[in-house]
Amino acid sequence: MTILTTSRLVLRPFDPADAEDLFAVFGNADAMRYWSTLPHASVAVTARMIEQSLAADPSQHAEFAIEHDGKVIGKVGLWQMPEIGYVLHPDYWRRGIATEAVQAVIAHGFEALGLTRITADVDPENTASLAMLKRLGFVVTGQAQNTIKIGGKWFDSIYLELAAPDR
């Protein structure tokens, strides 16, 4: 059971008791604007997501609840190794929290999991996420149109990659 800590955050495995806190994120339309699903309609949907995460193959997934001051405020992790993803409640945007969480997962991916690269798939309209990833050293490797359909609408992708540092 891996737990990552930063100066302000605890990144830990999900717990079924996190459902209410995570529903505040996954049920929030602003938080979910660039996520790969529609906002969750109920706490039960979020609870199922937690169950699926806990049952996932650890060789393909390393997901963490983002805990700040004792409250779960988002999710960060690697799935379909080596793709990174994250979502944070809007009340915590623009505070460097996402950057802090992503940096911890990047370090974990390279150091503990031995990944040689980490990738990201970002909606071109998600300029804040694109800027953050570029600040962290990710480079654009491509783009594509109509890559995912959510709620009857097609969305595009920008693909990014971060190579492991030389050892």
Protein backbone atom coordinates (compact mmCIF):
# COMPACT_ATOMS: atom_id res chain seq x y z
CA MET A 1 0.00 0.00 0.00
CA THR A 2 1.89 3.02 -1.30
CA ILE A 3 1.39 6.40 0.33
CA LEU A 4 3.12 9.47 -1.08
CA THR A 5 3.50 12.65 0.94
CA THR A 6 4.38 16.18 -0.08
CA SER A 7 4.62 19.36 1.96
CA ARG A 8 0.82 19.82 1.87
CA LEU A 9 -0.65 16.57 0.61
CA VAL A 10 -1.08 12.91 1.35
CA LEU A 11 -1.57 10.79 -1.76
CA ARG A 12 -3.00 7.48 -0.63
CA PRO A 13 -5.05 4.56 -1.87
CA PHE A 14 -8.78 5.12 -2.03
CA ASP A 15 -11.01 4.01 0.80
CA PRO A 16 -14.74 3.32 0.40
CA ALA A 17 -15.27 6.04 3.03
CA ASP A 18 -13.95 8.59 0.49
CA ALA A 19 -17.12 8.37 -1.60
CA GLU A 20 -18.78 11.54 -0.24
CA ASP A 21 -15.64 13.68 -0.57
CA LEU A 22 -14.89 12.34 -4.05
CA PHE A 23 -18.48 12.83 -5.17
CA ALA A 24 -18.00 16.54 -4.40
CA VAL A 25 -15.32 16.41 -7.12
CA PHE A 26 -16.78 13.89 -9.57
CA GLY A 27 -20.27 15.34 -9.31
CA ASN A 28 -18.99 18.86 -10.03
CA ALA A 29 -19.50 19.94 -13.65
CA ASP A 30 -16.56 22.38 -13.55
CA ALA A 31 -14.15 19.75 -12.20
CA MET A 32 -15.36 17.23 -14.78
CA ARG A 33 -15.29 19.56 -17.78
CA TYR A 34 -12.21 17.85 -19.23
CA TRP A 35 -12.61 14.40 -17.64
CA SER A 36 -13.33 11.28 -19.67
CA THR A 37 -16.86 10.84 -18.32
CA LEU A 38 -19.87 12.96 -17.52
CA PRO A 39 -20.19 14.20 -13.92
CA HIS A 40 -21.32 11.48 -11.55
CA ALA A 41 -25.06 11.54 -10.89
CA SER A 42 -24.84 10.11 -7.37
CA VAL A 43 -22.52 9.08 -4.57
CA ALA A 44 -23.24 5.46 -5.60
CA VAL A 45 -21.56 6.08 -8.97
CA THR A 46 -18.50 7.48 -7.20
CA ALA A 47 -18.49 4.52 -4.79
CA ARG A 48 -18.42 2.14 -7.78
CA MET A 49 -15.49 4.08 -9.25
CA ILE A 50 -13.62 3.62 -5.95
CA GLU A 51 -14.39 -0.11 -5.95
CA GLN A 52 -13.12 -0.42 -9.52
CA SER A 53 -9.94 1.44 -8.64
CA LEU A 54 -9.30 -0.79 -5.64
CA ALA A 55 -9.82 -3.90 -7.79
CA ALA A 56 -7.63 -2.68 -10.69
CA ASP A 57 -4.47 -4.47 -11.74
CA PRO A 58 -1.61 -2.70 -9.91
CA SER A 59 0.69 -3.30 -12.88
CA GLN A 60 -1.60 -1.05 -14.93
CA HIS A 61 -2.90 1.42 -12.35
CA ALA A 62 -1.40 3.45 -9.51
CA GLU A 63 -4.21 5.77 -8.43
CA PHE A 64 -4.29 7.96 -5.34
CA ALA A 65 -6.78 10.03 -3.43
CA ILE A 66 -5.45 13.57 -2.95
CA GLU A 67 -5.88 14.44 0.72
CA HIS A 68 -5.37 18.01 1.91
CA ASP A 69 -5.91 18.99 5.55
CA GLY A 70 -7.67 15.67 6.19
CA LYS A 71 -10.14 16.00 3.30
CA VAL A 72 -10.07 14.19 -0.04
CA ILE A 73 -10.12 16.88 -2.74
CA GLY A 74 -9.27 14.95 -5.88
CA LYS A 75 -7.62 12.06 -7.63
CA VAL A 76 -4.23 11.63 -9.30
CA GLY A 77 -2.48 8.66 -10.76
CA LEU A 78 -1.21 6.53 -13.55
CA TRP A 79 -3.59 4.27 -15.44
CA GLN A 80 -3.15 2.30 -18.58
CA MET A 81 0.50 2.71 -17.67
CA PRO A 82 2.15 5.07 -18.32
CA GLU A 83 -0.66 7.68 -18.71
CA ILE A 84 -1.04 10.26 -15.94
CA GLY A 85 -4.31 11.92 -15.06
CA TYR A 86 -5.72 14.08 -12.30
CA VAL A 87 -8.83 15.91 -11.23
CA LEU A 88 -9.17 18.40 -8.40
CA HIS A 89 -12.14 20.15 -6.82
CA PRO A 90 -12.36 23.72 -8.21
CA ASP A 91 -12.10 25.20 -4.70
CA TYR A 92 -8.44 24.08 -4.77
CA TRP A 93 -7.48 25.27 -8.26
CA ARG A 94 -4.70 27.83 -8.77
CA ARG A 95 -2.90 26.94 -5.53
CA GLY A 96 -0.22 24.65 -6.99
CA ILE A 97 -1.89 21.59 -5.48
CA ALA A 98 -2.31 19.76 -8.79
CA THR A 99 1.33 20.47 -9.66
CA GLU A 100 2.46 19.16 -6.27
CA ALA A 101 0.39 15.98 -6.63
CA VAL A 102 1.47 15.35 -10.22
CA GLN A 103 5.16 15.87 -9.36
CA ALA A 104 4.88 13.26 -6.59
CA VAL A 105 3.27 10.73 -8.94
CA ILE A 106 5.87 11.42 -11.64
CA ALA A 107 8.67 10.74 -9.15
CA HIS A 108 6.90 7.57 -8.00
CA GLY A 109 6.44 6.42 -11.59
CA PHE A 110 10.08 6.85 -12.49
CA GLU A 111 11.73 5.85 -9.21
CA ALA A 112 9.48 3.15 -7.74
CA LEU A 113 7.74 1.79 -10.83
CA GLY A 114 10.70 2.06 -13.20
CA LEU A 115 8.77 3.77 -15.97
CA THR A 116 10.86 5.13 -18.83
CA ARG A 117 8.23 7.68 -19.83
CA ILE A 118 4.93 9.14 -18.65
CA THR A 119 2.26 10.25 -21.10
CA ALA A 120 -0.78 12.52 -20.94
CA ASP A 121 -3.86 12.99 -23.12
CA VAL A 122 -5.30 16.51 -22.69
CA ASP A 123 -8.23 18.32 -24.26
CA PRO A 124 -6.81 21.26 -26.28
CA GLU A 125 -9.19 23.62 -24.48
CA ASN A 126 -7.73 22.66 -21.10
CA THR A 127 -5.07 25.35 -21.28
CA ALA A 128 -4.30 25.31 -17.54
CA SER A 129 -3.48 21.60 -17.60
CA LEU A 130 -1.43 21.91 -20.77
CA ALA A 131 0.57 24.79 -19.27
CA MET A 132 1.20 22.87 -16.03
CA LEU A 133 2.41 19.75 -17.84
CA LYS A 134 4.70 21.81 -20.07
CA ARG A 135 6.15 23.53 -16.97
CA LEU A 136 6.88 20.05 -15.60
CA GLY A 137 8.83 19.17 -18.76
CA PHE A 138 6.22 17.34 -20.83
CA VAL A 139 6.50 17.86 -24.58
CA VAL A 140 3.74 17.63 -27.17
CA THR A 141 4.07 14.48 -29.27
CA GLY A 142 0.90 14.76 -31.35
CA GLN A 143 -2.73 15.65 -31.54
CA ALA A 144 -5.91 14.12 -32.91
CA GLN A 145 -9.51 15.09 -33.48
CA ASN A 146 -12.62 13.32 -32.23
CA THR A 147 -10.76 10.97 -29.89
CA ILE A 148 -13.42 10.56 -27.20
CA LYS A 149 -17.18 10.92 -27.19
CA ILE A 150 -18.74 12.07 -23.92
CA GLY A 151 -22.41 12.80 -23.55
CA GLY A 152 -22.93 12.69 -27.30
CA LYS A 153 -20.17 15.23 -28.05
CA TRP A 154 -16.76 14.52 -29.57
CA PHE A 155 -13.59 15.92 -28.02
CA ASP A 156 -10.03 16.26 -29.34
CA SER A 157 -6.70 15.33 -27.77
CA ILE A 158 -3.22 16.72 -27.43
CA TYR A 159 -0.70 14.02 -26.51
CA LEU A 160 2.27 14.79 -24.30
CA GLU A 161 5.20 12.82 -22.94
CA LEU A 162 7.83 13.16 -20.26
CA ALA A 163 10.92 10.97 -20.53
CA ALA A 164 12.54 9.56 -17.41
CA PRO A 165 15.58 11.52 -16.28
CA ASP A 166 18.94 10.02 -17.13
CA ARG A 167 20.16 7.87 -14.31
